Amino acid sequence: MYDPATRRHTVGLLKTGRSLHSVSKATGISRSAIRAWCERIDPLPRFNQAAPCTGPADPAAYAYLLGLYLGDGCISRHPRGGHYLRIACADAWPGLIEECRTAILAVRPTDKVYVLQRQGCVAVTSYGRHWTCLFPQHGPGKKHERHITLEGWQREIVDAHPWAFVRGLIHSDGCRTTNRTTRLVGGVRKRYEYPRYFFTNKSDDIAGLLTATLDRLGVEWKRANACNVSIARKDSVALMDAHIGPKH
């Protein structure tokens, strides 16, 4: 992207009578670019600079994909430009693999998605030139070793589609389990079972994004330990079941 001063100076050289070829050779700017500047000196307006390059086509699908990315996703550079988005999904959950694939296509309909088999899992993969814009949390090192926050435009999407975001986080780093315990009742030890949801992630920031969203949704939670968030209250589990459910 050339700045306006460079554009005006280059077009000004043409107005002195110099040829397009000589100006291009002297400035190192392509002739096609100079021709375009002769028709329009100012750059075309771009998508909101605080938002991704082209924006997600489907915000609800993006909220879900954002949750998957924060849990099990990574972005890597292609040697010839652009980036790969990869979401790791366990072989045990074919429904999750398909939902991940569908979400990527909904967010970027023009990009292709393919599944690469790994030992015990698959990498749902898509190549494109906007993944680092769509996921500005990308950076060097592991996510739990660096600060993770959402951009303003991402917060707006999560606020509009909170259950989709929570669903993505649970589908990546969470599960629905049956907790088994015993209790003394009248001197007799009885066995009890109840369902609960777990979310496990080493990043305090990512866990905080989940719990803040759960608070807005009225879901009660507690920290089981440094890496685990537990949702066990009956009403809260029922809410989670209505919107999340077990992985499949």
Protein backbone atom coordinates (compact mmCIF):
# COMPACT_ATOMS: atom_id res chain seq x y z
CA MET A 1 0.00 0.00 0.00
CA TYR A 2 1.61 3.25 -1.16
CA ASP A 3 0.92 6.43 0.78
CA PRO A 4 -0.93 9.36 -0.88
CA ALA A 5 2.25 11.48 -1.16
CA THR A 6 4.01 8.75 -3.16
CA ARG A 7 0.99 8.40 -5.42
CA ARG A 8 0.81 12.15 -6.12
CA HIS A 9 4.54 12.40 -6.76
CA THR A 10 4.48 9.47 -9.20
CA VAL A 11 1.52 10.82 -11.17
CA GLY A 12 3.19 14.23 -11.16
CA LEU A 13 6.21 12.77 -12.96
CA LEU A 14 3.93 11.67 -15.79
CA LYS A 15 2.56 15.19 -16.08
CA THR A 16 6.07 16.49 -16.78
CA GLY A 17 6.05 14.52 -20.04
CA ARG A 18 7.94 11.43 -18.94
CA SER A 19 6.79 8.07 -20.28
CA LEU A 20 4.97 5.49 -18.19
CA HIS A 21 7.89 3.09 -18.65
CA SER A 22 10.53 5.57 -17.46
CA VAL A 23 8.51 6.57 -14.39
CA SER A 24 7.94 2.94 -13.51
CA LYS A 25 11.65 2.15 -13.88
CA ALA A 26 12.70 5.18 -11.82
CA THR A 27 10.27 4.59 -8.94
CA GLY A 28 10.10 0.79 -8.94
CA ILE A 29 6.29 0.98 -9.05
CA SER A 30 4.46 -1.21 -11.55
CA ARG A 31 2.95 0.39 -14.63
CA SER A 32 -0.47 -1.10 -13.82
CA ALA A 33 -0.45 0.63 -10.42
CA ILE A 34 0.53 3.96 -11.97
CA ARG A 35 -2.23 3.64 -14.58
CA ALA A 36 -4.76 3.01 -11.79
CA TRP A 37 -3.53 6.10 -9.91
CA CYS A 38 -4.08 8.23 -13.00
CA GLU A 39 -7.77 7.30 -12.78
CA ARG A 40 -8.02 7.42 -8.97
CA ILE A 41 -5.28 8.91 -6.83
CA ASP A 42 -6.82 8.03 -3.44
CA PRO A 43 -6.91 4.40 -2.26
CA LEU A 44 -10.27 2.65 -2.29
CA PRO A 45 -12.01 2.61 1.11
CA ARG A 46 -11.24 -0.54 3.04
CA PHE A 47 -13.16 -2.56 5.61
CA ASN A 48 -13.15 -1.07 9.11
CA GLN A 49 -9.48 -1.03 10.13
CA ALA A 50 -10.36 -2.34 13.62
CA ALA A 51 -12.04 -5.38 12.09
CA PRO A 52 -10.80 -8.22 9.92
CA CYS A 53 -9.83 -7.64 6.28
CA THR A 54 -13.19 -8.74 4.92
CA GLY A 55 -15.10 -9.68 8.06
CA PRO A 56 -16.74 -13.02 8.83
CA ALA A 57 -19.57 -13.87 6.44
CA ASP A 58 -21.58 -15.51 9.25
CA PRO A 59 -21.07 -13.93 12.71
CA ALA A 60 -22.76 -16.79 14.62
CA ALA A 61 -20.53 -19.35 12.88
CA TYR A 62 -17.55 -17.12 13.63
CA ALA A 63 -18.38 -17.03 17.36
CA TYR A 64 -18.39 -20.84 17.37
CA LEU A 65 -15.19 -21.05 15.32
CA LEU A 66 -13.51 -18.51 17.63
CA GLY A 67 -14.20 -20.83 20.57
CA LEU A 68 -12.74 -23.78 18.67
CA TYR A 69 -9.68 -21.76 17.67
CA LEU A 70 -8.96 -20.54 21.20
CA GLY A 71 -9.09 -24.13 22.42
CA ASP A 72 -7.55 -26.30 19.72
CA GLY A 73 -6.64 -24.02 16.83
CA CYS A 74 -3.44 -22.66 15.34
CA ILE A 75 -2.41 -20.55 12.37
CA SER A 76 0.76 -21.09 10.36
CA ARG A 77 2.27 -19.18 7.45
CA HIS A 78 2.37 -20.60 3.94
CA PRO A 79 5.80 -20.23 2.30
CA ARG A 80 4.29 -18.38 -0.68
CA GLY A 81 2.02 -16.10 1.33
CA GLY A 82 -1.27 -16.50 3.14
CA HIS A 83 -1.87 -18.73 6.14
CA TYR A 84 -3.31 -22.07 7.17
CA LEU A 85 -5.97 -22.29 9.86
CA ARG A 86 -5.92 -25.70 11.58
CA ILE A 87 -8.39 -26.95 14.18
CA ALA A 88 -7.49 -30.24 15.87
CA CYS A 89 -10.50 -32.55 16.41
CA ALA A 90 -10.44 -36.01 17.98
CA ASP A 91 -11.44 -38.97 15.80
CA ALA A 92 -13.96 -39.93 18.49
CA TRP A 93 -16.19 -36.96 17.58
CA PRO A 94 -17.12 -37.14 13.85
CA GLY A 95 -20.01 -34.74 14.44
CA LEU A 96 -17.60 -32.14 15.82
CA ILE A 97 -15.32 -32.56 12.81
CA GLU A 98 -18.23 -31.86 10.47
CA GLU A 99 -19.45 -28.89 12.53
CA CYS A 100 -15.96 -27.40 12.46
CA ARG A 101 -15.76 -27.83 8.69
CA THR A 102 -19.21 -26.28 8.25
CA ALA A 103 -18.31 -23.30 10.46
CA ILE A 104 -15.14 -22.54 8.48
CA LEU A 105 -17.08 -22.59 5.21
CA ALA A 106 -19.76 -20.33 6.71
CA VAL A 107 -17.15 -17.81 7.88
CA ARG A 108 -15.13 -17.89 4.64
CA PRO A 109 -17.35 -19.32 1.85
CA THR A 110 -14.70 -18.77 -0.83
CA ASP A 111 -11.97 -20.74 0.97
CA LYS A 112 -11.56 -24.49 0.69
CA VAL A 113 -11.57 -26.82 3.69
CA TYR A 114 -9.98 -30.22 3.92
CA VAL A 115 -9.35 -32.78 6.65
CA LEU A 116 -5.86 -34.13 7.33
CA GLN A 117 -5.64 -37.36 9.29
CA ARG A 118 -3.24 -37.43 12.20
CA GLN A 119 -2.62 -40.09 14.86
CA GLY A 120 -5.79 -40.15 16.95
CA CYS A 121 -7.14 -36.90 15.53
CA VAL A 122 -7.70 -34.88 12.38
CA ALA A 123 -6.68 -31.34 11.49
CA VAL A 124 -9.56 -29.48 9.86
CA THR A 125 -7.56 -27.15 7.64
CA SER A 126 -8.23 -24.13 5.46
CA TYR A 127 -5.83 -21.92 3.50
CA GLY A 128 -6.60 -18.23 3.11
CA ARG A 129 -5.19 -14.71 3.26
CA HIS A 130 -7.38 -13.36 6.05
CA TRP A 131 -7.01 -15.84 8.92
CA THR A 132 -4.60 -13.64 10.88
CA CYS A 133 -7.06 -10.74 10.50
CA LEU A 134 -9.97 -12.88 11.63
CA PHE A 135 -7.99 -14.27 14.57
CA PRO A 136 -5.70 -11.47 15.83
CA GLN A 137 -4.94 -13.63 18.89
CA HIS A 138 -2.46 -15.45 16.64
CA GLY A 139 1.14 -14.99 17.72
CA PRO A 140 4.38 -16.76 18.57
CA GLY A 141 4.41 -19.31 21.36
CA LYS A 142 1.67 -21.16 23.19
CA LYS A 143 -1.59 -19.36 23.94
CA HIS A 144 -1.34 -19.94 27.71
CA GLU A 145 2.09 -18.29 27.74
CA ARG A 146 0.90 -14.98 26.29
CA HIS A 147 -1.89 -12.50 26.88
CA ILE A 148 -5.18 -13.30 25.09
CA THR A 149 -7.87 -10.64 24.70
CA LEU A 150 -10.66 -10.03 22.20
CA GLU A 151 -10.75 -7.06 19.86
CA GLY A 152 -13.76 -4.74 20.10
CA TRP A 153 -15.40 -6.17 16.96
CA GLN A 154 -14.93 -9.71 18.33
CA ARG A 155 -16.59 -8.75 21.60
CA GLU A 156 -19.57 -7.42 19.69
CA ILE A 157 -19.94 -10.75 17.89
CA VAL A 158 -19.56 -12.77 21.11
CA ASP A 159 -22.08 -10.52 22.88
CA ALA A 160 -24.54 -11.11 20.03
CA HIS A 161 -23.91 -14.89 19.89
CA PRO A 162 -22.74 -15.93 23.37
CA TRP A 163 -24.01 -19.50 23.24
CA ALA A 164 -22.20 -20.16 19.96
CA PHE A 165 -18.96 -18.93 21.57
CA VAL A 166 -19.44 -21.09 24.67
CA ARG A 167 -20.29 -24.06 22.47
CA GLY A 168 -17.05 -23.67 20.55
CA LEU A 169 -15.01 -23.50 23.76
CA ILE A 170 -16.72 -26.56 25.25
CA HIS A 171 -16.39 -28.50 21.99
CA SER A 172 -12.67 -27.76 21.94
CA ASP A 173 -11.51 -27.97 25.55
CA GLY A 174 -14.61 -29.09 27.42
CA CYS A 175 -16.84 -32.08 27.99
CA ARG A 176 -20.08 -33.22 29.59
CA THR A 177 -19.42 -35.95 32.16
CA THR A 178 -21.22 -37.93 34.83
CA ASN A 179 -19.84 -37.30 38.30
CA ARG A 180 -20.08 -40.18 40.76
CA THR A 181 -19.89 -39.77 44.51
CA THR A 182 -21.08 -41.35 47.78
CA ARG A 183 -22.73 -39.79 50.81
CA LEU A 184 -23.74 -41.00 54.27
CA VAL A 185 -27.53 -40.84 54.73
CA GLY A 186 -28.85 -42.14 58.05
CA GLY A 187 -25.63 -44.05 58.59
CA VAL A 188 -25.89 -45.70 55.20
CA ARG A 189 -23.48 -44.80 52.42
CA LYS A 190 -25.40 -44.15 49.22
CA ARG A 191 -24.10 -43.64 45.73
CA TYR A 192 -25.07 -40.60 43.68
CA GLU A 193 -24.55 -39.66 40.05
CA TYR A 194 -25.10 -36.28 38.44
CA PRO A 195 -24.06 -34.66 35.14
CA ARG A 196 -21.71 -31.72 34.93
CA TYR A 197 -19.62 -29.83 32.41
CA PHE A 198 -15.86 -29.38 32.57
CA PHE A 199 -13.64 -26.92 30.73
CA THR A 200 -9.89 -27.41 30.88
CA ASN A 201 -7.39 -24.84 29.63
CA LYS A 202 -4.07 -23.61 31.02
CA SER A 203 -4.74 -20.03 29.90
CA ASP A 204 -6.34 -17.87 32.59
CA ASP A 205 -7.32 -15.40 29.88
CA ILE A 206 -9.21 -17.99 27.80
CA ALA A 207 -10.89 -19.46 30.88
CA GLY A 208 -11.82 -15.90 31.85
CA LEU A 209 -13.48 -15.32 28.46
CA LEU A 210 -15.58 -18.43 29.09
CA THR A 211 -16.58 -17.58 32.67
CA ALA A 212 -17.39 -13.96 31.78
CA THR A 213 -19.73 -15.19 29.05
CA LEU A 214 -21.29 -17.77 31.39
CA ASP A 215 -21.96 -14.99 33.89
CA ARG A 216 -23.88 -13.03 31.26
CA LEU A 217 -25.88 -16.15 30.42
CA GLY A 218 -26.79 -16.88 34.04
CA VAL A 219 -24.77 -20.10 34.22
CA GLU A 220 -23.21 -20.77 37.63
CA TRP A 221 -19.68 -22.14 37.63
CA LYS A 222 -16.73 -22.63 39.92
CA ARG A 223 -13.01 -23.23 39.61
CA ALA A 224 -12.30 -26.89 40.29
CA ASN A 225 -8.56 -26.15 40.22
CA ALA A 226 -6.08 -23.91 38.40
CA CYS A 227 -6.92 -25.35 34.97
CA ASN A 228 -10.52 -26.54 35.30
CA VAL A 229 -13.88 -24.77 35.31
CA SER A 230 -16.80 -26.88 36.59
CA ILE A 231 -20.53 -26.39 35.96
CA ALA A 232 -22.51 -28.70 38.24
CA ARG A 233 -25.59 -26.85 39.54
CA LYS A 234 -28.73 -28.56 38.23
CA ASP A 235 -30.29 -25.45 36.66
CA SER A 236 -27.01 -24.45 35.03
CA VAL A 237 -26.43 -27.94 33.63
CA ALA A 238 -29.95 -27.84 32.18
CA LEU A 239 -29.13 -24.53 30.47
CA MET A 240 -25.93 -26.00 29.06
CA ASP A 241 -27.79 -29.09 27.87
CA ALA A 242 -30.32 -26.91 26.06
CA HIS A 243 -27.63 -24.98 24.15
CA ILE A 244 -24.50 -27.14 24.15
CA GLY A 245 -25.05 -30.82 24.84
CA PRO A 246 -22.45 -33.58 24.73
CA LYS A 247 -19.96 -33.83 21.88
CA HIS A 248 -20.77 -36.42 19.24
